[in-house]
């Protein structure tokens, strides 16, 4: 079963790689540096709302 695009709800994933682009530098693939997360907190984190498991397994 094909995956749905995480950026556009009504579109099938065509593996364009747009979802892996860096928000600060679109020429770069995201390497999870977290420079895009601005905060004065003692640590940086991204809250996970939901985990979607692949139904093929």
PDB file of N, CA and C in Angstrom:
ATOM      1  N   UNK A   1       0.830  -1.172   0.000  1.00  0.00           N
ATOM      2  CA  UNK A   1       0.000   0.000   0.000  1.00  0.00           C
ATOM      3  C   UNK A   1       0.883   1.246   0.000  1.00  0.00           C
ATOM      4  N   UNK A   2       0.592   2.204  -0.857  1.00  0.00           N
ATOM      5  CA  UNK A   2       1.377   3.417  -0.960  1.00  0.00           C
ATOM      6  C   UNK A   2       1.099   4.338   0.224  1.00  0.00           C
ATOM      7  N   UNK A   3       2.104   5.107   0.599  1.00  0.00           N
ATOM      8  CA  UNK A   3       1.969   6.044   1.706  1.00  0.00           C
ATOM      9  C   UNK A   3       1.392   7.363   1.225  1.00  0.00           C
ATOM     10  N   UNK A   4       0.745   8.060   2.144  1.00  0.00           N
ATOM     11  CA  UNK A   4       0.234   9.391   1.865  1.00  0.00           C
ATOM     12  C   UNK A   4       1.333  10.401   2.157  1.00  0.00           C
ATOM     13  N   UNK A   5       1.326  11.512   1.433  1.00  0.00           N
ATOM     14  CA  UNK A   5       2.288  12.589   1.635  1.00  0.00           C
ATOM     15  C   UNK A   5       2.066  13.211   3.011  1.00  0.00           C
ATOM     16  N   UNK A   6       3.137  13.462   3.755  1.00  0.00           N
ATOM     17  CA  UNK A   6       3.002  14.063   5.080  1.00  0.00           C
ATOM     18  C   UNK A   6       2.816  15.572   5.004  1.00  0.00           C
ATOM     19  N   UNK A   7       3.079  16.182   3.852  1.00  0.00           N
ATOM     20  CA  UNK A   7       2.925  17.625   3.688  1.00  0.00           C
ATOM     21  C   UNK A   7       1.595  18.012   3.069  1.00  0.00           C
ATOM     22  N   UNK A   8       1.076  17.169   2.185  1.00  0.00           N
ATOM     23  CA  UNK A   8      -0.193  17.426   1.518  1.00  0.00           C
ATOM     24  C   UNK A   8      -1.101  16.232   1.769  1.00  0.00           C
ATOM     25  N   UNK A   9      -2.131  16.416   2.560  1.00  0.00           N
ATOM     26  CA  UNK A   9      -2.972  15.307   3.026  1.00  0.00           C
ATOM     27  C   UNK A   9      -3.596  14.462   1.921  1.00  0.00           C
ATOM     28  N   UNK A  10      -4.026  15.086   0.839  1.00  0.00           N
ATOM     29  CA  UNK A  10      -4.776  14.372  -0.190  1.00  0.00           C
ATOM     30  C   UNK A  10      -3.912  13.822  -1.325  1.00  0.00           C
ATOM     31  N   UNK A  11      -2.606  13.772  -1.123  1.00  0.00           N
ATOM     32  CA  UNK A  11      -1.688  13.358  -2.182  1.00  0.00           C
ATOM     33  C   UNK A  11      -0.917  12.109  -1.754  1.00  0.00           C
ATOM     34  N   UNK A  12      -0.689  11.234  -2.707  1.00  0.00           N
ATOM     35  CA  UNK A  12       0.121  10.051  -2.431  1.00  0.00           C
ATOM     36  C   UNK A  12       1.599  10.447  -2.427  1.00  0.00           C
ATOM     37  N   UNK A  13       2.400   9.776  -1.643  1.00  0.00           N
ATOM     38  CA  UNK A  13       3.836  10.032  -1.579  1.00  0.00           C
ATOM     39  C   UNK A  13       4.489   9.583  -2.883  1.00  0.00           C
ATOM     40  N   UNK A  14       5.260  10.489  -3.487  1.00  0.00           N
ATOM     41  CA  UNK A  14       6.002  10.162  -4.705  1.00  0.00           C
ATOM     42  C   UNK A  14       7.509  10.195  -4.437  1.00  0.00           C
ATOM     43  N   UNK A  15       7.867  10.177  -3.131  1.00  0.00           N
ATOM     44  CA  UNK A  15       9.257  10.170  -2.682  1.00  0.00           C
ATOM     45  C   UNK A  15      10.064  11.319  -3.288  1.00  0.00           C
ATOM     46  N   UNK A  16       9.469  12.541  -3.283  1.00  0.00           N
ATOM     47  CA  UNK A  16      10.143  13.715  -3.826  1.00  0.00           C
ATOM     48  C   UNK A  16      11.228  14.229  -2.882  1.00  0.00           C
ATOM     49  N   UNK A  17      11.154  13.888  -1.588  1.00  0.00           N
ATOM     50  CA  UNK A  17      12.152  14.304  -0.618  1.00  0.00           C
ATOM     51  C   UNK A  17      11.880  15.669  -0.001  1.00  0.00           C
ATOM     52  N   UNK A  18      10.792  16.311  -0.380  1.00  0.00           N
ATOM     53  CA  UNK A  18      10.478  17.653   0.132  1.00  0.00           C
ATOM     54  C   UNK A  18      10.283  17.636   1.648  1.00  0.00           C
ATOM     55  N   UNK A  19       9.791  16.555   2.198  1.00  0.00           N
ATOM     56  CA  UNK A  19       9.569  16.464   3.641  1.00  0.00           C
ATOM     57  C   UNK A  19      10.878  16.311   4.418  1.00  0.00           C
ATOM     58  N   UNK A  20      11.975  16.039   3.741  1.00  0.00           N
ATOM     59  CA  UNK A  20      13.272  15.891   4.391  1.00  0.00           C
ATOM     60  C   UNK A  20      14.151  17.123   4.242  1.00  0.00           C
ATOM     61  N   UNK A  21      13.622  18.198   3.686  1.00  0.00           N
ATOM     62  CA  UNK A  21      14.390  19.429   3.486  1.00  0.00           C
ATOM     63  C   UNK A  21      14.533  20.190   4.800  1.00  0.00           C
ATOM     64  N   UNK A  22      15.667  20.854   4.948  1.00  0.00           N
ATOM     65  CA  UNK A  22      15.932  21.716   6.100  1.00  0.00           C
ATOM     66  C   UNK A  22      15.058  22.960   6.004  1.00  0.00           C
ATOM     67  N   UNK A  23      14.429  23.365   7.099  1.00  0.00           N
ATOM     68  CA  UNK A  23      13.585  24.561   7.110  1.00  0.00           C
ATOM     69  C   UNK A  23      14.411  25.836   6.962  1.00  0.00           C
ATOM     70  N   UNK A  24      15.640  25.827   7.438  1.00  0.00           N
ATOM     71  CA  UNK A  24      16.484  27.018   7.376  1.00  0.00           C
ATOM     72  C   UNK A  24      17.258  27.128   6.067  1.00  0.00           C
ATOM     73  N   UNK A  25      17.616  25.997   5.474  1.00  0.00           N
ATOM     74  CA  UNK A  25      18.362  25.972   4.222  1.00  0.00           C
ATOM     75  C   UNK A  25      17.752  24.910   3.316  1.00  0.00           C
ATOM     76  N   UNK A  26      16.839  25.296   2.424  1.00  0.00           N
ATOM     77  CA  UNK A  26      16.144  24.325   1.571  1.00  0.00           C
ATOM     78  C   UNK A  26      17.065  23.513   0.655  1.00  0.00           C
ATOM     79  N   UNK A  27      18.299  23.944   0.495  1.00  0.00           N
ATOM     80  CA  UNK A  27      19.262  23.198  -0.328  1.00  0.00           C
ATOM     81  C   UNK A  27      19.808  21.977   0.421  1.00  0.00           C
ATOM     82  N   UNK A  28      19.585  21.932   1.727  1.00  0.00           N
ATOM     83  CA  UNK A  28      20.164  20.898   2.586  1.00  0.00           C
ATOM     84  C   UNK A  28      19.090  19.901   3.039  1.00  0.00           C
ATOM     85  N   UNK A  29      19.471  18.654   3.175  1.00  0.00           N
ATOM     86  CA  UNK A  29      18.596  17.643   3.754  1.00  0.00           C
ATOM     87  C   UNK A  29      18.690  17.764   5.276  1.00  0.00           C
ATOM     88  N   UNK A  30      17.555  17.655   5.945  1.00  0.00           N
ATOM     89  CA  UNK A  30      17.523  17.776   7.410  1.00  0.00           C
ATOM     90  C   UNK A  30      18.433  16.730   8.044  1.00  0.00           C
ATOM     91  N   UNK A  31      19.283  17.198   8.979  1.00  0.00           N
ATOM     92  CA  UNK A  31      20.154  16.277   9.706  1.00  0.00           C
ATOM     93  C   UNK A  31      19.852  16.302  11.209  1.00  0.00           C
ATOM     94  N   UNK A  32      18.660  16.801  11.558  1.00  0.00           N
ATOM     95  CA  UNK A  32      18.193  16.846  12.948  1.00  0.00           C
ATOM     96  C   UNK A  32      19.100  17.660  13.862  1.00  0.00           C
ATOM     97  N   UNK A  33      19.651  18.764  13.344  1.00  0.00           N
ATOM     98  CA  UNK A  33      20.517  19.618  14.158  1.00  0.00           C
ATOM     99  C   UNK A  33      19.715  20.448  15.160  1.00  0.00           C
ATOM    100  N   UNK A  34      18.419  20.621  14.946  1.00  0.00           N
ATOM    101  CA  UNK A  34      17.486  21.355  15.803  1.00  0.00           C
ATOM    102  C   UNK A  34      17.772  22.853  15.876  1.00  0.00           C
ATOM    103  N   UNK A  35      18.525  23.405  14.932  1.00  0.00           N
ATOM    104  CA  UNK A  35      18.750  24.845  14.893  1.00  0.00           C
ATOM    105  C   UNK A  35      17.466  25.597  14.570  1.00  0.00           C
ATOM    106  N   UNK A  36      16.500  24.918  13.964  1.00  0.00           N
ATOM    107  CA  UNK A  36      15.219  25.542  13.613  1.00  0.00           C
ATOM    108  C   UNK A  36      14.291  25.664  14.815  1.00  0.00           C
ATOM    109  N   UNK A  37      14.608  24.979  15.909  1.00  0.00           N
ATOM    110  CA  UNK A  37      13.792  25.036  17.117  1.00  0.00           C
ATOM    111  C   UNK A  37      14.375  26.122  18.013  1.00  0.00           C
ATOM    112  N   UNK A  38      13.668  27.251  18.113  1.00  0.00           N
ATOM    113  CA  UNK A  38      14.157  28.374  18.913  1.00  0.00           C
ATOM    114  C   UNK A  38      13.478  28.350  20.269  1.00  0.00           C
ATOM    115  N   UNK A  39      14.299  28.360  21.309  1.00  0.00           N
ATOM    116  CA  UNK A  39      13.747  28.298  22.650  1.00  0.00           C
ATOM    117  C   UNK A  39      14.796  28.734  23.657  1.00  0.00           C
ATOM    118  N   UNK A  40      14.336  29.259  24.786  1.00  0.00           N
ATOM    119  CA  UNK A  40      15.236  29.599  25.882  1.00  0.00           C
ATOM    120  C   UNK A  40      15.275  28.494  26.931  1.00  0.00           C
ATOM    121  N   UNK A  41      14.721  27.362  26.604  1.00  0.00           N
ATOM    122  CA  UNK A  41      14.672  26.244  27.543  1.00  0.00           C
ATOM    123  C   UNK A  41      16.063  25.650  27.734  1.00  0.00           C
ATOM    124  N   UNK A  42      16.213  24.849  28.769  1.00  0.00           N
ATOM    125  CA  UNK A  42      17.479  24.189  29.057  1.00  0.00           C
ATOM    126  C   UNK A  42      17.776  23.055  28.084  1.00  0.00           C
ATOM    127  N   UNK A  43      16.770  22.623  27.346  1.00  0.00           N
ATOM    128  CA  UNK A  43      16.938  21.555  26.370  1.00  0.00           C
ATOM    129  C   UNK A  43      16.024  21.830  25.187  1.00  0.00           C
ATOM    130  N   UNK A  44      16.287  21.189  24.064  1.00  0.00           N
ATOM    131  CA  UNK A  44      15.455  21.317  22.869  1.00  0.00           C
ATOM    132  C   UNK A  44      14.762  19.992  22.625  1.00  0.00           C
ATOM    133  N   UNK A  45      13.483  20.050  22.293  1.00  0.00           N
ATOM    134  CA  UNK A  45      12.726  18.835  22.034  1.00  0.00           C
ATOM    135  C   UNK A  45      11.551  19.157  21.125  1.00  0.00           C
ATOM    136  N   UNK A  46      11.075  18.156  20.463  1.00  0.00           N
ATOM    137  CA  UNK A  46       9.876  18.270  19.643  1.00  0.00           C
ATOM    138  C   UNK A  46       8.879  17.255  20.182  1.00  0.00           C
ATOM    139  N   UNK A  47       7.699  17.734  20.542  1.00  0.00           N
ATOM    140  CA  UNK A  47       6.681  16.848  21.085  1.00  0.00           C
ATOM    141  C   UNK A  47       6.054  16.029  19.968  1.00  0.00           C
ATOM    142  N   UNK A  48       5.906  14.732  20.195  1.00  0.00           N
ATOM    143  CA  UNK A  48       5.299  13.821  19.222  1.00  0.00           C
ATOM    144  C   UNK A  48       3.838  13.639  19.594  1.00  0.00           C
ATOM    145  N   UNK A  49       2.944  14.016  18.672  1.00  0.00           N
ATOM    146  CA  UNK A  49       1.503  13.903  18.911  1.00  0.00           C
ATOM    147  C   UNK A  49       0.990  12.490  18.679  1.00  0.00           C
ATOM    148  N   UNK A  50       1.547  11.852  17.656  1.00  0.00           N
ATOM    149  CA  UNK A  50       0.976  10.593  17.209  1.00  0.00           C
ATOM    150  C   UNK A  50       2.054   9.768  16.523  1.00  0.00           C
ATOM    151  N   UNK A  51       1.974   8.458  16.672  1.00  0.00           N
ATOM    152  CA  UNK A  51       2.864   7.536  15.980  1.00  0.00           C
ATOM    153  C   UNK A  51       2.012   6.725  15.013  1.00  0.00           C
ATOM    154  N   UNK A  52       2.353   6.816  13.739  1.00  0.00           N
ATOM    155  CA  UNK A  52       1.596   6.078  12.718  1.00  0.00           C
ATOM    156  C   UNK A  52       2.445   4.888  12.294  1.00  0.00           C
ATOM    157  N   UNK A  53       1.958   3.702  12.559  1.00  0.00           N
ATOM    158  CA  UNK A  53       2.689   2.491  12.200  1.00  0.00           C
ATOM    159  C   UNK A  53       2.242   2.010  10.841  1.00  0.00           C
ATOM    160  N   UNK A  54       3.176   1.435  10.094  1.00  0.00           N
ATOM    161  CA  UNK A  54       2.879   0.883   8.784  1.00  0.00           C
ATOM    162  C   UNK A  54       2.004  -0.344   8.960  1.00  0.00           C
ATOM    163  N   UNK A  55       0.866  -0.375   8.295  1.00  0.00           N
ATOM    164  CA  UNK A  55      -0.080  -1.470   8.451  1.00  0.00           C
ATOM    165  C   UNK A  55       0.321  -2.743   7.716  1.00  0.00           C
ATOM    166  N   UNK A  56       1.379  -2.690   6.904  1.00  0.00           N
ATOM    167  CA  UNK A  56       1.812  -3.864   6.140  1.00  0.00           C
ATOM    168  C   UNK A  56       2.546  -4.872   7.006  1.00  0.00           C
ATOM    169  N   UNK A  57       3.035  -4.457   8.155  1.00  0.00           N
ATOM    170  CA  UNK A  57       3.820  -5.350   9.024  1.00  0.00           C
ATOM    171  C   UNK A  57       2.960  -6.309   9.765  1.00  0.00           C
TER     172      UNK A  57
END
